Structure formats: C-alpha cells, structure tokens
C-alpha cells in the first residue's frame, strides 16, 4: 500500500504520510483518486487562517465530490493538530467522499468527529501560503497528486 501522498502545488511539493492504520478505507479512496488524476488541477476552495485549508472538490464550490459512493466514517483517536489531514463531510457522519482538509493549528474540537487519514511531513509552509478565502478570489491549486 502507498505510504506517501505528494501534492505538487505551484509553489512546491507537500508530502503527506498516509495512515492506513487509522483509516484504511479513506487512504484507499484518496490513493485511488490521486492515481487516477482526480485531484490534478483541483483548488483549495476554503482556506481559513488559524484553522484549515480545504480542497478535493472538482467543482471548486465545496459541494462536489467524486462519482464514487460516500465512505463509512473511520473516526479515530488521532488528534487534529498542525499538519493533520482529515476528511471533510456534511453533518452526516458517513458522507466523506473526496474532499479533505489540512489543519493549520490545533483543532481538537474536531477530534473523534472527522476521519484523520494522514499527516504533513514536509511542505507545511506551502500550505501556510495558500490563497485565503471562502472561496479565495484566486485560489491555489494542486497541480498534480502522486502516491508512492
């Protein structure tokens, strides 16, 4: 199974350590989508300083996802801290699909309610530099997503 996900941004590479031990179904989905090119060209549509950067919606609106069925929640005890990668969802626990977020800071109020699937290993300063907004006027995008 893949161990790392790399998001190549216009500013450089963000390397994420995948955690199939925490969320095997979510890691499999993200890995499959990345290998299919799903995330290539997708923007970070919601970037809130001090909180998180959200992406993974091909429409860039926050309302879209992949054509695959939603995932069953794999909530775990991993804390939401700086660099944590977790799945976005609606109010329904089993609604995660392709959207994810990366925490800028500790967000422990999310612990146990969202599925943590990875941790940024390098390039967090590039996440810090993403265009801000909900949505940003000129959003930052993932040029290419690769797994290794």
C-alpha atoms as a PDB file:
ATOM      1  CA  UNK A   1       0.000   0.000   0.000  1.00  0.00           C
ATOM      2  CA  UNK A   2       1.146   3.544  -0.696  1.00  0.00           C
ATOM      3  CA  UNK A   3       2.875   5.300   2.185  1.00  0.00           C
ATOM      4  CA  UNK A   4       3.043   8.883   0.929  1.00  0.00           C
ATOM      5  CA  UNK A   5       0.840  11.299  -0.981  1.00  0.00           C
ATOM      6  CA  UNK A   6       2.507  14.264  -2.657  1.00  0.00           C
ATOM      7  CA  UNK A   7       0.544  17.325  -3.690  1.00  0.00           C
ATOM      8  CA  UNK A   8       2.620  19.312  -6.156  1.00  0.00           C
ATOM      9  CA  UNK A   9       1.499  22.936  -5.836  1.00  0.00           C
ATOM     10  CA  UNK A  10       2.663  25.844  -7.972  1.00  0.00           C
ATOM     11  CA  UNK A  11       4.933  26.738  -5.026  1.00  0.00           C
ATOM     12  CA  UNK A  12       6.422  23.243  -4.484  1.00  0.00           C
ATOM     13  CA  UNK A  13       5.666  19.815  -3.003  1.00  0.00           C
ATOM     14  CA  UNK A  14       3.627  18.974   0.068  1.00  0.00           C
ATOM     15  CA  UNK A  15       4.408  15.421   1.264  1.00  0.00           C
ATOM     16  CA  UNK A  16       1.811  13.662   3.416  1.00  0.00           C
ATOM     17  CA  UNK A  17       2.425  10.448   5.366  1.00  0.00           C
ATOM     18  CA  UNK A  18      -0.618   8.243   4.818  1.00  0.00           C
ATOM     19  CA  UNK A  19      -2.111   6.482   7.840  1.00  0.00           C
ATOM     20  CA  UNK A  20      -3.910   3.316   6.687  1.00  0.00           C
ATOM     21  CA  UNK A  21      -3.578   2.085  10.279  1.00  0.00           C
ATOM     22  CA  UNK A  22      -6.098   4.799  11.252  1.00  0.00           C
ATOM     23  CA  UNK A  23      -8.396   4.901   8.232  1.00  0.00           C
ATOM     24  CA  UNK A  24      -7.770   2.155   5.651  1.00  0.00           C
ATOM     25  CA  UNK A  25     -10.873   2.910   3.570  1.00  0.00           C
ATOM     26  CA  UNK A  26     -10.161   6.633   3.360  1.00  0.00           C
ATOM     27  CA  UNK A  27      -6.492   6.107   2.494  1.00  0.00           C
ATOM     28  CA  UNK A  28      -7.530   3.660  -0.234  1.00  0.00           C
ATOM     29  CA  UNK A  29     -10.024   6.192  -1.673  1.00  0.00           C
ATOM     30  CA  UNK A  30      -7.548   9.086  -1.669  1.00  0.00           C
ATOM     31  CA  UNK A  31      -4.821   6.881  -3.144  1.00  0.00           C
ATOM     32  CA  UNK A  32      -7.132   5.614  -5.912  1.00  0.00           C
ATOM     33  CA  UNK A  33      -8.347   9.126  -6.755  1.00  0.00           C
ATOM     34  CA  UNK A  34      -4.795  10.518  -6.799  1.00  0.00           C
ATOM     35  CA  UNK A  35      -3.597   7.706  -9.084  1.00  0.00           C
ATOM     36  CA  UNK A  36      -6.492   8.410 -11.462  1.00  0.00           C
ATOM     37  CA  UNK A  37      -5.591  12.117 -11.667  1.00  0.00           C
ATOM     38  CA  UNK A  38      -8.780  13.198  -9.876  1.00  0.00           C
ATOM     39  CA  UNK A  39      -7.014  15.811  -7.717  1.00  0.00           C
ATOM     40  CA  UNK A  40      -4.880  17.256 -10.549  1.00  0.00           C
ATOM     41  CA  UNK A  41      -5.902  20.890 -11.083  1.00  0.00           C
ATOM     42  CA  UNK A  42      -8.311  20.921  -8.118  1.00  0.00           C
ATOM     43  CA  UNK A  43      -8.260  24.095  -5.995  1.00  0.00           C
ATOM     44  CA  UNK A  44      -8.240  24.761  -2.268  1.00  0.00           C
ATOM     45  CA  UNK A  45     -11.724  26.317  -2.133  1.00  0.00           C
ATOM     46  CA  UNK A  46     -11.873  27.121   1.593  1.00  0.00           C
ATOM     47  CA  UNK A  47      -8.786  28.458   3.375  1.00  0.00           C
ATOM     48  CA  UNK A  48      -9.271  29.879   6.869  1.00  0.00           C
ATOM     49  CA  UNK A  49      -6.103  31.167   8.589  1.00  0.00           C
ATOM     50  CA  UNK A  50      -5.530  29.627  12.008  1.00  0.00           C
ATOM     51  CA  UNK A  51      -7.940  26.795  11.187  1.00  0.00           C
ATOM     52  CA  UNK A  52      -7.614  24.770   7.986  1.00  0.00           C
ATOM     53  CA  UNK A  53      -7.314  24.574   4.193  1.00  0.00           C
ATOM     54  CA  UNK A  54      -9.940  22.509   2.381  1.00  0.00           C
ATOM     55  CA  UNK A  55      -9.743  21.012  -1.112  1.00  0.00           C
ATOM     56  CA  UNK A  56     -10.674  17.941  -3.115  1.00  0.00           C
ATOM     57  CA  UNK A  57     -13.817  19.244  -4.823  1.00  0.00           C
ATOM     58  CA  UNK A  58     -13.526  19.164  -8.629  1.00  0.00           C
ATOM     59  CA  UNK A  59     -16.188  21.898  -8.923  1.00  0.00           C
ATOM     60  CA  UNK A  60     -14.278  24.231  -6.573  1.00  0.00           C
ATOM     61  CA  UNK A  61     -17.528  25.106  -4.783  1.00  0.00           C
ATOM     62  CA  UNK A  62     -17.374  22.867  -1.731  1.00  0.00           C
ATOM     63  CA  UNK A  63     -20.452  20.990  -2.967  1.00  0.00           C
ATOM     64  CA  UNK A  64     -18.835  18.409  -5.258  1.00  0.00           C
ATOM     65  CA  UNK A  65     -17.064  15.085  -4.972  1.00  0.00           C
ATOM     66  CA  UNK A  66     -16.106  12.017  -6.925  1.00  0.00           C
ATOM     67  CA  UNK A  67     -18.631   9.746  -8.655  1.00  0.00           C
ATOM     68  CA  UNK A  68     -17.919   7.040  -6.060  1.00  0.00           C
ATOM     69  CA  UNK A  69     -20.198   6.275  -3.129  1.00  0.00           C
ATOM     70  CA  UNK A  70     -19.614   8.147   0.122  1.00  0.00           C
ATOM     71  CA  UNK A  71     -17.353   6.497   2.683  1.00  0.00           C
ATOM     72  CA  UNK A  72     -18.295   4.970   6.005  1.00  0.00           C
ATOM     73  CA  UNK A  73     -16.758   7.081   8.793  1.00  0.00           C
ATOM     74  CA  UNK A  74     -13.498   5.812  10.263  1.00  0.00           C
ATOM     75  CA  UNK A  75     -13.308   8.194  13.207  1.00  0.00           C
ATOM     76  CA  UNK A  76     -10.196   7.601  15.300  1.00  0.00           C
ATOM     77  CA  UNK A  77      -8.388   8.958  18.340  1.00  0.00           C
ATOM     78  CA  UNK A  78      -5.711  10.801  16.335  1.00  0.00           C
ATOM     79  CA  UNK A  79      -5.792  14.499  17.337  1.00  0.00           C
ATOM     80  CA  UNK A  80      -6.379  17.350  14.900  1.00  0.00           C
ATOM     81  CA  UNK A  81      -3.124  19.300  15.227  1.00  0.00           C
ATOM     82  CA  UNK A  82      -0.976  21.349  12.839  1.00  0.00           C
ATOM     83  CA  UNK A  83      -0.466  19.340   9.629  1.00  0.00           C
ATOM     84  CA  UNK A  84      -3.231  16.795  10.297  1.00  0.00           C
ATOM     85  CA  UNK A  85      -5.022  15.657   7.130  1.00  0.00           C
ATOM     86  CA  UNK A  86      -8.661  14.743   7.657  1.00  0.00           C
ATOM     87  CA  UNK A  87     -11.775  14.199   5.545  1.00  0.00           C
ATOM     88  CA  UNK A  88     -14.417  16.862   5.051  1.00  0.00           C
ATOM     89  CA  UNK A  89     -18.046  15.773   5.251  1.00  0.00           C
ATOM     90  CA  UNK A  90     -21.578  17.087   5.711  1.00  0.00           C
ATOM     91  CA  UNK A  91     -23.485  16.814   9.004  1.00  0.00           C
ATOM     92  CA  UNK A  92     -23.958  13.129   8.136  1.00  0.00           C
ATOM     93  CA  UNK A  93     -21.034  11.094   9.579  1.00  0.00           C
ATOM     94  CA  UNK A  94     -20.854   8.693   6.591  1.00  0.00           C
ATOM     95  CA  UNK A  95     -20.714  11.415   3.908  1.00  0.00           C
ATOM     96  CA  UNK A  96     -16.968  11.842   3.250  1.00  0.00           C
ATOM     97  CA  UNK A  97     -16.137  11.362  -0.426  1.00  0.00           C
ATOM     98  CA  UNK A  98     -13.147  13.201  -1.940  1.00  0.00           C
ATOM     99  CA  UNK A  99     -12.873  16.476  -0.013  1.00  0.00           C
ATOM    100  CA  UNK A 100     -10.235  16.812   2.681  1.00  0.00           C
ATOM    101  CA  UNK A 101      -8.729  19.450   4.898  1.00  0.00           C
ATOM    102  CA  UNK A 102      -5.296  20.154   6.367  1.00  0.00           C
ATOM    103  CA  UNK A 103      -5.145  21.817   9.792  1.00  0.00           C
ATOM    104  CA  UNK A 104      -3.070  24.989  10.225  1.00  0.00           C
ATOM    105  CA  UNK A 105      -3.306  24.789  14.031  1.00  0.00           C
ATOM    106  CA  UNK A 106      -4.698  22.610  16.783  1.00  0.00           C
ATOM    107  CA  UNK A 107      -8.415  21.973  16.213  1.00  0.00           C
ATOM    108  CA  UNK A 108      -9.194  19.492  18.984  1.00  0.00           C
ATOM    109  CA  UNK A 109     -12.924  20.283  18.771  1.00  0.00           C
ATOM    110  CA  UNK A 110     -12.859  18.151  15.583  1.00  0.00           C
ATOM    111  CA  UNK A 111     -11.286  15.140  17.326  1.00  0.00           C
ATOM    112  CA  UNK A 112     -13.324  11.955  17.007  1.00  0.00           C
ATOM    113  CA  UNK A 113     -15.798  13.589  14.604  1.00  0.00           C
ATOM    114  CA  UNK A 114     -13.776  13.619  11.377  1.00  0.00           C
ATOM    115  CA  UNK A 115     -11.610  10.871   9.875  1.00  0.00           C
ATOM    116  CA  UNK A 116      -7.879  11.582  10.181  1.00  0.00           C
ATOM    117  CA  UNK A 117      -6.006   9.849   7.348  1.00  0.00           C
ATOM    118  CA  UNK A 118      -2.577  11.494   7.189  1.00  0.00           C
ATOM    119  CA  UNK A 119      -0.014  13.985   8.465  1.00  0.00           C
ATOM    120  CA  UNK A 120       2.023  16.549   6.512  1.00  0.00           C
ATOM    121  CA  UNK A 121       5.697  15.530   6.665  1.00  0.00           C
ATOM    122  CA  UNK A 122       7.147  18.356   4.601  1.00  0.00           C
ATOM    123  CA  UNK A 123       5.877  21.432   2.789  1.00  0.00           C
ATOM    124  CA  UNK A 124       3.581  22.714   5.533  1.00  0.00           C
ATOM    125  CA  UNK A 125       4.933  26.211   4.859  1.00  0.00           C
ATOM    126  CA  UNK A 126       3.398  25.883   1.366  1.00  0.00           C
ATOM    127  CA  UNK A 127       0.001  25.120   2.917  1.00  0.00           C
ATOM    128  CA  UNK A 128       0.503  28.214   5.112  1.00  0.00           C
ATOM    129  CA  UNK A 129       0.999  30.193   1.893  1.00  0.00           C
ATOM    130  CA  UNK A 130      -2.259  29.151   0.177  1.00  0.00           C
ATOM    131  CA  UNK A 131      -4.598  31.885  -1.041  1.00  0.00           C
ATOM    132  CA  UNK A 132      -7.082  32.709   1.742  1.00  0.00           C
ATOM    133  CA  UNK A 133     -10.873  32.907   1.461  1.00  0.00           C
ATOM    134  CA  UNK A 134     -14.178  31.020   1.295  1.00  0.00           C
ATOM    135  CA  UNK A 135     -13.597  30.773  -1.632  1.00  0.00           C
ATOM    136  CA  UNK A 136     -10.329  32.628  -2.329  1.00  0.00           C
ATOM    137  CA  UNK A 137     -10.517  35.212  -5.118  1.00  0.00           C
ATOM    138  CA  UNK A 138      -7.617  33.490  -6.883  1.00  0.00           C
ATOM    139  CA  UNK A 139      -7.450  30.004  -5.314  1.00  0.00           C
ATOM    140  CA  UNK A 140      -4.292  27.932  -5.039  1.00  0.00           C
ATOM    141  CA  UNK A 141      -4.458  24.564  -6.762  1.00  0.00           C
ATOM    142  CA  UNK A 142      -2.979  21.111  -6.734  1.00  0.00           C
ATOM    143  CA  UNK A 143      -1.034  20.853  -9.984  1.00  0.00           C
ATOM    144  CA  UNK A 144      -0.514  17.107  -9.580  1.00  0.00           C
ATOM    145  CA  UNK A 145      -1.148  14.487  -6.898  1.00  0.00           C
ATOM    146  CA  UNK A 146       1.069  11.411  -6.766  1.00  0.00           C
ATOM    147  CA  UNK A 147       1.384   8.440  -4.421  1.00  0.00           C
ATOM    148  CA  UNK A 148       4.487   6.437  -3.572  1.00  0.00           C
END
